């Protein structure tokens, strides 16, 4: 079924079916403090009103009460307080609803498809809706709890009183074979969000007797990509967008990671283990060399590179890491390693020299197991299948040899094929996976909606350089300053969404709500390390010399956390957010 994007026309049409809910399509226009059409002239953005809550009076009967087109509710279960926990704390009582939308049999691969979902509706609802954008290639309905950001979270949206939805994005299973079906590709790329959003709001209307006053969407990795796409395609549907380590150019990032896998395989001393192309000892060597040149650029030698931009000038792989004169032993890199690894950090290229994706910053988090997993395991295990089956036109057969594909398939051909279409696959991967016009967020901005974005500077799969470049473009598109509706925070040392030698435990949902509904723009967000004993789970990458609860301010770009010159280097109060010198 072809997706009809939510528009004023679609809202009007669907209002015949579900008038009470869809009159609030977007969940916010009626509460704006001023007319968004005038904001571009006045320079003042609307201030959205705060949400007001309601009580859920019944649960199990929602199976029969919910009636939405092409949707089957399979269960409604009352979950008592404590039936779910977050960081050891009992989540309040709520209703768990499961269902499916738009069940069909594919005419292309003959497989059955549907958009599976779960909703959790608090008994004591705060009037807000959260769309949980999940990661990877989706394919499973994980508990609808609502992430707040970072690793080892101490809270979630459900615990805060949000109604939350989670989905499988239109296919079941953890393989990439769903990419053979053209519609499953589109649902995964963007259409599942467009289809689920009005349905979820209709469910909320039925359950509480009112629709959500405020709607939020968020996630990390592919969930961050989903959220960035929603900011472009569904800007009328959400008031707050929480974007973590976004793979918003995911097909290119995955193709670049295939190039990386090929590079490390060529450097490997063990043909069956490509990680021997850049060993843990060698990665620690490089990380320590980066710290030696860059750690003090923010005023404190604390194992964190806050001034990541200046670091890329200060550090030189060829100059600052010893070159092996004999065998590799972990204390040096060979000339071949230096040349090949430097090219990957500058940006992987095809056989003809075309840049595939973007650069990666040198940082302190290279020696971790999380970094290694994405660089050495992911190319054959994850990226090959996604590129070959979900994004390439035409796709390969599902029984293709992933390792051979990684090592031998033409990268130039892949760049062309992820941009290609044919009569069966009418949208290219670079169309259905990426946000159209990513730096034009005028609809979002002029409604009074807000966006918070964070990205770990040691992310090994989606580069923080890519998100920085996007945000710089967003600033340029808004007269040099986008901070009145979108803010970006780089998390020093953090790997992909969490982990790494980093203060990676933080809540960005609460400041997002305060910005959307109270006008409190967050100049910084408090973050902590997760040492031994952390309630959200310890991070094994936290260095032994750090305090277990080390804290830092995450500063809104372009500002960075700078040491004040006195006070504990484990205390956020000893740092302030300043423009880099």
Protein backbone atom coordinates (compact mmCIF):
# COMPACT_ATOMS: atom_id res chain seq x y z
CA UNK A 1 0.00 0.00 0.00
CA UNK A 2 1.42 3.37 -0.99
CA UNK A 3 1.85 5.72 1.94
CA UNK A 4 -0.16 8.93 1.93
CA UNK A 5 1.96 11.48 3.79
CA UNK A 6 0.28 13.41 6.55
CA UNK A 7 -0.82 16.75 5.10
CA UNK A 8 -3.67 19.17 5.62
CA UNK A 9 -5.59 17.27 2.94
CA UNK A 10 -4.96 13.90 4.58
CA UNK A 11 -5.89 15.29 7.99
CA UNK A 12 -9.19 16.51 6.58
CA UNK A 13 -9.89 13.17 4.93
CA UNK A 14 -9.04 11.11 7.99
CA UNK A 15 -11.06 13.39 10.24
CA UNK A 16 -14.16 11.81 8.75
CA UNK A 17 -12.97 8.53 10.33
CA UNK A 18 -11.45 9.82 13.55
CA UNK A 19 -12.45 13.45 13.87
CA UNK A 20 -11.76 13.88 17.54
CA UNK A 21 -8.16 12.77 17.21
CA UNK A 22 -7.05 13.98 13.86
CA UNK A 23 -8.32 17.48 14.43
CA UNK A 24 -5.15 17.63 16.51
CA UNK A 25 -2.88 16.25 13.73
CA UNK A 26 0.47 17.53 14.85
CA UNK A 27 -0.68 17.70 18.46
CA UNK A 28 0.12 21.34 18.92
CA UNK A 29 -1.18 23.92 16.48
CA UNK A 30 -4.19 24.82 18.63
CA UNK A 31 -2.00 25.62 21.64
CA UNK A 32 0.53 27.89 19.91
CA UNK A 33 0.93 31.26 21.53
CA UNK A 34 1.20 33.00 18.15
CA UNK A 35 0.57 32.36 14.49
CA UNK A 36 3.48 30.44 12.96
CA UNK A 37 2.87 32.08 9.58
CA UNK A 38 4.05 35.37 11.04
CA UNK A 39 7.20 34.14 12.75
CA UNK A 40 9.53 34.49 9.78
CA UNK A 41 8.61 38.18 9.56
CA UNK A 42 8.57 39.00 13.26
CA UNK A 43 11.61 36.93 14.19
CA UNK A 44 9.79 35.59 17.25
CA UNK A 45 8.98 31.91 17.36
CA UNK A 46 5.76 30.60 18.91
CA UNK A 47 5.83 29.41 22.50
CA UNK A 48 3.87 26.17 22.80
CA UNK A 49 1.71 25.64 25.86
CA UNK A 50 2.44 22.93 28.40
CA UNK A 51 0.66 19.60 28.22
CA UNK A 52 -2.05 18.70 30.72
CA UNK A 53 -2.61 15.14 31.86
CA UNK A 54 -5.51 12.75 32.20
CA UNK A 55 -6.29 9.45 33.92
CA UNK A 56 -6.67 6.07 32.25
CA UNK A 57 -9.87 4.57 33.62
CA UNK A 58 -9.77 1.19 31.86
CA UNK A 59 -7.33 -1.00 29.94
CA UNK A 60 -8.36 -4.50 28.88
CA UNK A 61 -11.53 -3.29 27.14
CA UNK A 62 -9.41 -1.19 24.77
CA UNK A 63 -9.07 -4.30 22.59
CA UNK A 64 -12.69 -3.81 21.54
CA UNK A 65 -12.90 -0.03 21.93
CA UNK A 66 -10.00 0.90 19.62
CA UNK A 67 -11.19 1.05 16.03
CA UNK A 68 -8.75 2.39 13.46
CA UNK A 69 -8.61 1.55 9.73
CA UNK A 70 -6.36 -1.36 8.70
CA UNK A 71 -5.34 -1.92 12.33
CA UNK A 72 -5.77 -4.98 14.55
CA UNK A 73 -5.34 -4.70 18.31
CA UNK A 74 -4.12 -8.09 19.52
CA UNK A 75 -3.97 -7.49 23.27
CA UNK A 76 -4.44 -4.94 26.04
CA UNK A 77 -2.80 -5.90 29.33
CA UNK A 78 -2.87 -4.02 32.60
CA UNK A 79 0.69 -3.81 34.00
CA UNK A 80 0.87 -3.18 37.72
CA UNK A 81 3.32 -0.71 39.24
CA UNK A 82 6.68 -2.43 39.41
CA UNK A 83 5.88 -4.77 36.54
CA UNK A 84 8.68 -2.94 34.76
CA UNK A 85 11.69 -1.19 36.28
CA UNK A 86 14.18 1.45 35.20
CA UNK A 87 17.52 1.64 37.02
CA UNK A 88 16.03 -0.52 39.76
CA UNK A 89 13.01 1.75 40.27
CA UNK A 90 9.42 0.64 39.75
CA UNK A 91 7.68 2.10 36.70
CA UNK A 92 4.11 3.22 37.52
CA UNK A 93 1.05 1.22 36.49
CA UNK A 94 0.19 1.34 32.80
CA UNK A 95 -1.64 -0.41 29.97
CA UNK A 96 0.32 -2.39 27.37
CA UNK A 97 -1.34 -2.55 23.95
CA UNK A 98 -0.06 -4.66 21.07
CA UNK A 99 -1.21 -4.68 17.46
CA UNK A 100 -0.51 -4.68 13.75
CA UNK A 101 -1.24 -2.30 10.89
CA UNK A 102 -1.64 -2.89 7.16
CA UNK A 103 -1.13 -6.65 7.01
CA UNK A 104 -0.33 -7.79 3.46
CA UNK A 105 1.43 -10.38 1.34
CA UNK A 106 4.22 -9.06 -0.87
CA UNK A 107 3.77 -9.56 -4.62
CA UNK A 108 7.56 -9.46 -4.97
CA UNK A 109 8.89 -11.99 -2.43
CA UNK A 110 5.63 -13.67 -1.35
CA UNK A 111 6.28 -12.99 2.33
CA UNK A 112 3.75 -11.66 4.84
CA UNK A 113 4.29 -8.18 6.20
CA UNK A 114 2.68 -5.85 8.72
CA UNK A 115 3.70 -2.92 10.89
CA UNK A 116 3.85 -4.43 14.36
CA UNK A 117 3.66 -2.10 17.35
CA UNK A 118 3.36 -1.83 21.11
CA UNK A 119 1.95 1.10 23.07
CA UNK A 120 2.24 1.71 26.78
CA UNK A 121 -0.30 4.08 28.29
CA UNK A 122 0.29 5.27 31.89
CA UNK A 123 -2.64 5.21 34.30
CA UNK A 124 -1.52 8.70 35.35
CA UNK A 125 -0.79 10.27 31.94
CA UNK A 126 1.07 13.58 31.55
CA UNK A 127 -0.66 14.54 28.30
CA UNK A 128 2.38 13.77 26.13
CA UNK A 129 3.07 11.21 23.39
CA UNK A 130 6.52 9.76 22.63
CA UNK A 131 7.35 7.88 19.44
CA UNK A 132 10.25 5.53 20.22
CA UNK A 133 12.35 5.33 17.06
CA UNK A 134 14.31 2.08 17.30
CA UNK A 135 17.75 1.19 15.96
CA UNK A 136 19.52 -1.15 13.57
CA UNK A 137 17.36 -2.54 10.80
CA UNK A 138 14.38 -2.63 13.22
CA UNK A 139 12.45 -5.89 12.79
CA UNK A 140 11.33 -6.37 16.39
CA UNK A 141 8.89 -4.61 18.68
CA UNK A 142 10.93 -3.78 21.77
CA UNK A 143 9.27 -2.53 24.98
CA UNK A 144 7.79 0.94 24.49
CA UNK A 145 9.60 2.77 27.26
CA UNK A 146 10.95 5.87 25.51
CA UNK A 147 14.72 6.55 25.62
CA UNK A 148 15.96 9.78 27.18
CA UNK A 149 19.50 9.58 25.75
CA UNK A 150 22.95 8.18 26.47
CA UNK A 151 23.93 4.91 28.09
CA UNK A 152 22.68 3.23 31.28
CA UNK A 153 19.62 5.49 31.56
CA UNK A 154 18.20 6.30 34.98
CA UNK A 155 14.80 7.28 33.62
CA UNK A 156 12.56 6.87 30.58
CA UNK A 157 9.57 8.56 28.99
CA UNK A 158 7.10 5.96 30.27
CA UNK A 159 8.27 6.48 33.84
CA UNK A 160 7.83 10.23 33.34
CA UNK A 161 4.19 9.72 32.35
CA UNK A 162 4.36 9.72 28.53
CA UNK A 163 2.25 7.46 26.34
CA UNK A 164 4.87 5.62 24.26
CA UNK A 165 4.83 3.62 21.02
CA UNK A 166 7.50 1.25 19.68
CA UNK A 167 7.38 -0.63 16.37
CA UNK A 168 9.20 -3.05 14.09
CA UNK A 169 9.04 -0.46 11.26
CA UNK A 170 7.08 -2.79 8.99
CA UNK A 171 8.87 -6.14 9.04
CA UNK A 172 9.62 -8.97 11.46
CA UNK A 173 12.99 -10.61 11.97
CA UNK A 174 16.59 -9.49 12.35
CA UNK A 175 17.76 -10.20 8.81
CA UNK A 176 17.96 -7.74 5.94
CA UNK A 177 15.96 -10.01 3.60
CA UNK A 178 12.90 -7.78 3.98
CA UNK A 179 14.67 -5.41 1.59
CA UNK A 180 13.58 -7.62 -1.31
CA UNK A 181 10.08 -6.19 -0.81
CA UNK A 182 9.89 -2.60 -2.11
CA UNK A 183 7.16 -1.51 0.33
CA UNK A 184 9.05 -2.92 3.31
CA UNK A 185 12.00 -0.77 2.24
CA UNK A 186 9.81 2.33 2.26
CA UNK A 187 8.17 1.51 5.59
CA UNK A 188 11.60 1.02 7.15
CA UNK A 189 12.89 4.22 5.59
CA UNK A 190 10.12 6.62 6.56
CA UNK A 191 6.58 5.48 5.95
CA UNK A 192 6.06 3.44 9.13
CA UNK A 193 6.41 6.63 11.18
CA UNK A 194 3.87 8.38 8.97
CA UNK A 195 1.38 5.52 9.29
CA UNK A 196 1.81 4.83 13.00
CA UNK A 197 1.67 8.43 14.19
CA UNK A 198 -2.02 9.21 13.48
CA UNK A 199 -3.00 5.72 14.62
CA UNK A 200 -1.19 6.16 17.94
CA UNK A 201 -2.84 9.52 18.50
CA UNK A 202 -6.21 7.93 17.78
CA UNK A 203 -5.51 5.22 20.37
CA UNK A 204 -4.61 7.89 22.93
CA UNK A 205 -7.83 9.74 22.13
CA UNK A 206 -9.86 6.58 22.70
CA UNK A 207 -8.04 5.68 25.90
CA UNK A 208 -8.05 9.06 27.62
CA UNK A 209 -10.87 10.96 25.94
CA UNK A 210 -8.37 13.48 24.54
CA UNK A 211 -5.44 13.47 22.17
CA UNK A 212 -1.90 14.35 23.20
CA UNK A 213 -1.24 18.01 23.86
CA UNK A 214 2.43 17.57 23.01
CA UNK A 215 4.12 14.95 20.85
CA UNK A 216 7.80 13.94 20.90
CA UNK A 217 9.90 11.54 18.85
CA UNK A 218 13.40 10.29 19.58
CA UNK A 219 15.98 7.56 19.31
CA UNK A 220 19.64 6.85 18.71
CA UNK A 221 21.53 5.41 15.71
CA UNK A 222 18.91 4.41 13.14
CA UNK A 223 16.45 5.80 15.67
CA UNK A 224 18.24 9.13 15.34
CA UNK A 225 17.91 8.79 11.57
CA UNK A 226 14.18 8.07 11.91
CA UNK A 227 13.88 11.23 14.02
CA UNK A 228 15.80 13.42 11.56
CA UNK A 229 13.65 12.11 8.71
CA UNK A 230 10.54 12.87 10.76
CA UNK A 231 11.81 16.42 11.33
CA UNK A 232 11.77 16.88 7.55
CA UNK A 233 8.77 14.77 6.52
CA UNK A 234 6.49 15.02 9.56
CA UNK A 235 7.31 18.42 11.00
CA UNK A 236 3.59 19.06 11.61
CA UNK A 237 3.25 15.93 13.74
CA UNK A 238 5.78 16.43 16.55
CA UNK A 239 6.72 19.25 18.89
CA UNK A 240 10.05 17.87 20.08
CA UNK A 241 12.74 15.83 18.29
CA UNK A 242 15.45 14.02 20.27
CA UNK A 243 18.23 12.85 17.93
CA UNK A 244 21.09 10.61 19.08
CA UNK A 245 24.19 9.65 17.03
CA UNK A 246 22.13 9.82 13.84
CA UNK A 247 22.93 7.66 10.83
CA UNK A 248 20.96 10.02 8.64
CA UNK A 249 23.11 9.06 5.64
CA UNK A 250 23.08 5.43 6.67
CA UNK A 251 23.57 3.81 3.21
CA UNK A 252 26.75 5.85 2.71
CA UNK A 253 28.03 5.16 6.24
CA UNK A 254 27.48 1.42 5.77
CA UNK A 255 29.22 1.46 2.38
CA UNK A 256 32.16 3.34 3.92
CA UNK A 257 32.30 0.71 6.66
CA UNK A 258 32.52 -2.00 4.00
CA UNK A 259 35.49 -0.11 2.59
CA UNK A 260 36.95 -0.02 6.10
CA UNK A 261 36.49 -3.76 6.53
CA UNK A 262 38.27 -4.33 3.25
CA UNK A 263 41.11 -2.06 4.35
CA UNK A 264 41.60 -3.77 7.71
CA UNK A 265 41.46 -7.18 6.04
CA UNK A 266 44.33 -6.13 3.77
CA UNK A 267 46.36 -5.06 6.82
CA UNK A 268 45.52 -8.13 8.91
CA UNK A 269 48.19 -10.54 10.06
CA UNK A 270 45.53 -13.23 10.48
CA UNK A 271 43.33 -13.68 7.40
CA UNK A 272 40.43 -14.96 9.49
CA UNK A 273 40.47 -11.97 11.89
CA UNK A 274 40.46 -8.51 10.32
CA UNK A 275 40.91 -6.89 13.74
CA UNK A 276 44.58 -7.92 13.47
CA UNK A 277 44.86 -5.15 10.89
CA UNK A 278 44.59 -2.61 13.73
CA UNK A 279 45.01 -4.40 17.06
CA UNK A 280 43.75 -3.31 20.45
CA UNK A 281 47.30 -2.43 21.52
CA UNK A 282 47.76 -0.34 18.36
CA UNK A 283 44.44 1.40 18.86
CA UNK A 284 45.37 2.21 22.46
CA UNK A 285 48.68 3.57 21.14
CA UNK A 286 46.83 5.95 18.81
CA UNK A 287 44.29 6.97 21.47
CA UNK A 288 47.07 7.81 23.90
CA UNK A 289 48.91 9.79 21.22
CA UNK A 290 45.71 11.75 20.58
CA UNK A 291 45.38 12.50 24.29
CA UNK A 292 49.01 13.57 24.47
CA UNK A 293 48.40 16.23 21.80
CA UNK A 294 44.80 17.18 22.55
CA UNK A 295 43.79 16.45 26.14
CA UNK A 296 44.96 19.77 27.55
CA UNK A 297 43.38 21.89 24.79
CA UNK A 298 40.35 22.45 27.05
CA UNK A 299 42.48 23.43 30.03
CA UNK A 300 42.48 20.09 31.86
CA UNK A 301 44.36 16.83 31.32
CA UNK A 302 41.45 14.60 32.23
CA UNK A 303 41.27 11.91 29.51
CA UNK A 304 38.60 13.80 27.56
CA UNK A 305 39.11 15.74 24.32
CA UNK A 306 36.51 18.50 24.48
CA UNK A 307 38.08 20.69 21.81
CA UNK A 308 37.68 18.04 19.14
CA UNK A 309 37.96 20.53 16.28
CA UNK A 310 41.35 21.88 17.36
CA UNK A 311 42.51 18.33 18.02
CA UNK A 312 42.28 17.40 14.34
CA UNK A 313 44.89 20.07 13.60
CA UNK A 314 47.04 19.36 16.64
CA UNK A 315 47.30 15.61 16.04
CA UNK A 316 49.05 14.02 13.06
CA UNK A 317 49.01 10.23 12.77
CA UNK A 318 52.20 10.04 10.75
CA UNK A 319 54.17 12.40 13.00
CA UNK A 320 52.81 11.56 16.45
CA UNK A 321 52.72 7.75 16.35
CA UNK A 322 55.99 5.82 15.97
CA UNK A 323 56.59 4.06 12.65
CA UNK A 324 57.65 0.44 12.88
CA UNK A 325 61.20 -0.25 11.75
CA UNK A 326 60.67 -3.98 12.14
CA UNK A 327 57.77 -6.22 13.09
CA UNK A 328 54.55 -4.77 14.49
CA UNK A 329 54.50 -5.22 18.26
CA UNK A 330 51.86 -2.76 19.50
CA UNK A 331 54.33 0.09 20.07
CA UNK A 332 54.24 1.38 16.50
CA UNK A 333 52.27 1.35 13.24
CA UNK A 334 53.69 0.17 9.95
CA UNK A 335 53.91 2.61 7.06
CA UNK A 336 51.16 0.68 5.30
CA UNK A 337 48.92 0.95 8.36
CA UNK A 338 49.50 4.68 8.67
CA UNK A 339 48.63 5.33 5.05
CA UNK A 340 45.51 3.16 5.02
CA UNK A 341 44.15 4.16 8.44
CA UNK A 342 44.75 7.86 7.77
CA UNK A 343 42.66 7.52 4.59
CA UNK A 344 39.78 5.94 6.55
CA UNK A 345 39.81 8.76 9.09
CA UNK A 346 39.93 11.32 6.27
CA UNK A 347 37.03 9.51 4.61
CA UNK A 348 36.92 6.14 2.85
CA UNK A 349 37.06 6.27 -0.95
CA UNK A 350 36.05 4.01 -3.82
CA UNK A 351 38.39 2.32 -6.29
CA UNK A 352 38.27 5.43 -8.47
CA UNK A 353 38.97 7.74 -5.51
CA UNK A 354 35.43 9.03 -4.87
CA UNK A 355 34.76 9.90 -1.24
CA UNK A 356 32.00 7.65 0.05
CA UNK A 357 30.83 9.20 3.32
CA UNK A 358 32.76 11.64 5.52
CA UNK A 359 35.76 11.96 7.84
CA UNK A 360 36.00 10.63 11.40
CA UNK A 361 37.70 12.63 14.16
CA UNK A 362 40.71 11.24 15.97
CA UNK A 363 39.62 10.84 19.59
CA UNK A 364 40.31 8.92 22.81
CA UNK A 365 37.78 6.10 22.37
CA UNK A 366 39.46 3.93 19.72
CA UNK A 367 40.70 1.16 22.02
CA UNK A 368 37.28 -0.01 23.24
CA UNK A 369 35.46 -3.21 22.38
CA UNK A 370 32.50 -1.18 21.11
CA UNK A 371 34.67 0.64 18.59
CA UNK A 372 36.19 -2.66 17.48
CA UNK A 373 32.82 -4.34 17.03
CA UNK A 374 31.60 -1.73 14.57
CA UNK A 375 34.85 -1.59 12.61
CA UNK A 376 35.74 -5.28 12.43
CA UNK A 377 32.54 -7.32 12.99
CA UNK A 378 29.87 -5.06 11.51
CA UNK A 379 31.11 -4.86 7.89
CA UNK A 380 30.35 -8.51 7.07
CA UNK A 381 27.78 -9.15 9.78
CA UNK A 382 25.58 -6.05 9.45
CA UNK A 383 26.59 -3.69 6.66
CA UNK A 384 26.96 -6.18 3.83
CA UNK A 385 23.39 -7.45 4.24
CA UNK A 386 21.89 -3.99 4.61
CA UNK A 387 23.67 -2.61 1.54
CA UNK A 388 23.14 -5.69 -0.63
CA UNK A 389 19.50 -6.37 0.27
CA UNK A 390 17.88 -3.17 1.57
CA UNK A 391 19.59 -0.35 -0.33
CA UNK A 392 21.09 -1.67 -3.54
CA UNK A 393 18.99 -1.59 -6.71
CA UNK A 394 18.57 -4.31 -7.69
CA UNK A 395 19.18 -6.28 -4.48
CA UNK A 396 21.23 -9.45 -4.41
CA UNK A 397 19.78 -12.85 -3.56
CA UNK A 398 19.34 -13.32 0.23
CA UNK A 399 21.82 -16.22 0.21
CA UNK A 400 24.73 -14.10 -1.04
CA UNK A 401 28.20 -14.47 0.51
CA UNK A 402 28.52 -11.47 2.87
CA UNK A 403 32.27 -11.77 3.45
CA UNK A 404 33.03 -12.07 -0.25
CA UNK A 405 30.72 -9.11 -0.92
CA UNK A 406 32.64 -7.00 1.62
CA UNK A 407 36.01 -7.93 0.16
CA UNK A 408 35.36 -7.86 -3.59
CA UNK A 409 32.23 -5.97 -4.64
CA UNK A 410 32.95 -2.74 -6.51
CA UNK A 411 32.51 0.28 -4.22
CA UNK A 412 32.00 2.51 -7.26
CA UNK A 413 29.15 0.23 -8.32
CA UNK A 414 27.62 0.36 -4.84
CA UNK A 415 27.58 4.16 -4.82
CA UNK A 416 25.66 4.08 -8.10
CA UNK A 417 23.32 1.30 -6.94
CA UNK A 418 22.25 2.94 -3.67
CA UNK A 419 21.24 5.94 -5.77
CA UNK A 420 19.50 3.85 -8.44
CA UNK A 421 15.84 3.07 -9.13
CA UNK A 422 14.00 0.69 -11.45
CA UNK A 423 10.34 -0.14 -12.16
CA UNK A 424 10.15 -2.36 -9.05
CA UNK A 425 12.18 -0.19 -6.66
CA UNK A 426 10.90 3.27 -7.51
CA UNK A 427 12.68 5.13 -4.68
CA UNK A 428 16.44 4.97 -4.22
CA UNK A 429 17.97 4.27 -0.83
CA UNK A 430 19.29 7.80 -0.71
CA UNK A 431 15.72 9.00 -1.17
CA UNK A 432 13.81 6.81 1.29
CA UNK A 433 16.52 6.65 3.98
CA UNK A 434 17.61 10.28 4.27
CA UNK A 435 15.78 13.44 5.35
CA UNK A 436 14.76 15.49 2.31
CA UNK A 437 16.29 18.99 2.53
CA UNK A 438 17.87 18.24 5.94
CA UNK A 439 18.89 21.84 6.62
CA UNK A 440 15.47 23.26 5.76
CA UNK A 441 13.50 22.81 8.97
CA UNK A 442 11.38 25.93 8.58
CA UNK A 443 8.09 24.13 9.22
CA UNK A 444 9.40 22.69 12.47
CA UNK A 445 10.94 26.00 13.49
CA UNK A 446 7.96 28.18 12.67
CA UNK A 447 5.56 25.96 14.61
CA UNK A 448 7.56 26.45 17.78
CA UNK A 449 8.88 22.88 17.77
CA UNK A 450 12.42 22.17 19.03
CA UNK A 451 15.22 19.70 18.32
CA UNK A 452 18.07 18.44 20.50
CA UNK A 453 20.87 16.43 18.89
CA UNK A 454 23.81 14.63 20.51
CA UNK A 455 26.67 12.61 19.05
CA UNK A 456 29.67 10.79 20.55
CA UNK A 457 32.99 11.98 19.13
CA UNK A 458 34.35 8.40 19.19
CA UNK A 459 31.36 6.95 17.32
CA UNK A 460 32.93 4.39 14.94
CA UNK A 461 30.01 3.94 12.51
CA UNK A 462 28.22 7.29 12.17
CA UNK A 463 30.71 10.11 12.34
CA UNK A 464 30.15 13.12 14.58
CA UNK A 465 31.85 15.06 11.75
CA UNK A 466 28.79 14.33 9.59
CA UNK A 467 26.38 15.64 12.22
CA UNK A 468 28.62 18.67 12.82
CA UNK A 469 28.59 19.44 9.11
CA UNK A 470 24.79 19.09 9.05
CA UNK A 471 24.40 21.44 12.00
CA UNK A 472 26.77 23.97 10.45
CA UNK A 473 24.57 23.84 7.35
CA UNK A 474 21.47 24.34 9.49
CA UNK A 475 23.09 27.37 11.08
CA UNK A 476 23.95 28.81 7.67
CA UNK A 477 20.38 28.25 6.47
CA UNK A 478 19.14 30.26 9.46
CA UNK A 479 21.30 33.34 9.22
CA UNK A 480 24.23 31.77 11.02
CA UNK A 481 22.34 30.73 14.17
CA UNK A 482 19.85 27.87 14.61
CA UNK A 483 20.03 27.84 18.41
CA UNK A 484 16.51 29.24 18.85
CA UNK A 485 15.04 25.90 17.70
CA UNK A 486 17.84 23.31 17.38
CA UNK A 487 20.89 22.59 19.52
CA UNK A 488 23.71 20.08 19.09
CA UNK A 489 25.91 18.50 21.78
CA UNK A 490 29.10 16.54 21.12
CA UNK A 491 29.85 13.92 23.79
CA UNK A 492 33.62 13.62 24.23
CA UNK A 493 34.93 10.05 24.03
CA UNK A 494 31.52 8.40 23.61
CA UNK A 495 31.26 5.50 21.18
CA UNK A 496 28.06 4.69 19.28
CA UNK A 497 25.17 5.99 21.44
CA UNK A 498 26.94 4.93 24.66
CA UNK A 499 30.18 3.57 26.06
CA UNK A 500 33.73 4.72 25.50
CA UNK A 501 35.79 6.77 27.99
CA UNK A 502 32.96 9.25 28.38
CA UNK A 503 30.35 10.87 30.59
CA UNK A 504 27.62 9.08 28.65
CA UNK A 505 24.74 9.06 31.17
CA UNK A 506 22.33 11.94 30.64
CA UNK A 507 18.66 12.83 30.18
CA UNK A 508 17.94 15.03 27.16
CA UNK A 509 14.19 14.43 27.11
CA UNK A 510 13.52 16.53 30.21
CA UNK A 511 15.37 19.61 28.87
CA UNK A 512 13.65 19.11 25.50
CA UNK A 513 10.23 19.20 27.18
CA UNK A 514 11.24 22.25 29.21
CA UNK A 515 12.35 24.02 26.03
CA UNK A 516 9.24 23.13 24.04
CA UNK A 517 6.71 23.85 26.76
CA UNK A 518 8.41 26.40 29.03
CA UNK A 519 10.81 28.19 26.70
CA UNK A 520 13.87 27.13 28.73
CA UNK A 521 16.62 26.68 26.12
CA UNK A 522 19.33 24.30 27.41
CA UNK A 523 22.79 25.87 27.07
CA UNK A 524 24.21 22.69 28.57
CA UNK A 525 23.01 19.27 29.69
CA UNK A 526 24.48 17.53 32.77
CA UNK A 527 26.16 14.17 32.10
CA UNK A 528 27.91 11.61 34.27
CA UNK A 529 30.27 8.68 33.91
CA UNK A 530 29.01 5.20 34.78
CA UNK A 531 31.63 3.78 37.09
CA UNK A 532 31.31 0.73 39.32
CA UNK A 533 28.00 0.68 41.18
CA UNK A 534 26.09 2.91 38.77
CA UNK A 535 22.34 2.30 39.05
CA UNK A 536 21.91 2.30 35.29
CA UNK A 537 24.74 -0.16 34.73
CA UNK A 538 28.50 0.31 34.81
CA UNK A 539 30.45 1.26 31.69
CA UNK A 540 33.55 -0.94 31.41
CA UNK A 541 35.31 1.75 29.37
CA UNK A 542 35.44 4.27 32.25
CA UNK A 543 39.16 4.65 33.10
CA UNK A 544 40.22 3.48 36.53
CA UNK A 545 41.60 6.90 37.40
CA UNK A 546 38.23 8.61 37.06
CA UNK A 547 35.75 9.08 39.87
CA UNK A 548 32.91 6.59 39.36
CA UNK A 549 30.43 9.46 39.09
CA UNK A 550 32.57 11.97 37.17
CA UNK A 551 30.34 14.68 35.69
CA UNK A 552 30.59 17.16 32.84
CA UNK A 553 28.38 19.70 31.14
CA UNK A 554 27.50 18.73 27.56
CA UNK A 555 27.78 22.09 25.85
CA UNK A 556 25.67 23.36 22.99
CA UNK A 557 27.89 23.53 19.88
CA UNK A 558 30.04 25.41 19.03
CA UNK A 559 30.82 25.84 22.73
CA UNK A 560 32.94 23.27 24.55
CA UNK A 561 33.49 22.40 28.22
CA UNK A 562 36.54 24.35 29.45
CA UNK A 563 38.23 23.91 32.81
CA UNK A 564 37.87 26.98 35.03
CA UNK A 565 41.39 26.57 36.43
CA UNK A 566 40.46 25.26 39.86
CA UNK A 567 38.31 22.59 41.42
CA UNK A 568 38.04 18.85 40.95
CA UNK A 569 38.38 17.60 37.39
CA UNK A 570 35.70 15.04 38.24
CA UNK A 571 33.11 17.74 38.95
CA UNK A 572 31.06 19.48 36.27
CA UNK A 573 31.05 22.63 38.40
CA UNK A 574 34.75 23.05 37.58
CA UNK A 575 33.93 23.51 33.88
CA UNK A 576 32.08 26.13 31.89
CA UNK A 577 30.77 26.19 28.34
CA UNK A 578 32.86 28.53 26.19
CA UNK A 579 33.56 29.12 22.54
CA UNK A 580 36.83 27.35 21.63
CA UNK A 581 39.84 29.61 21.39
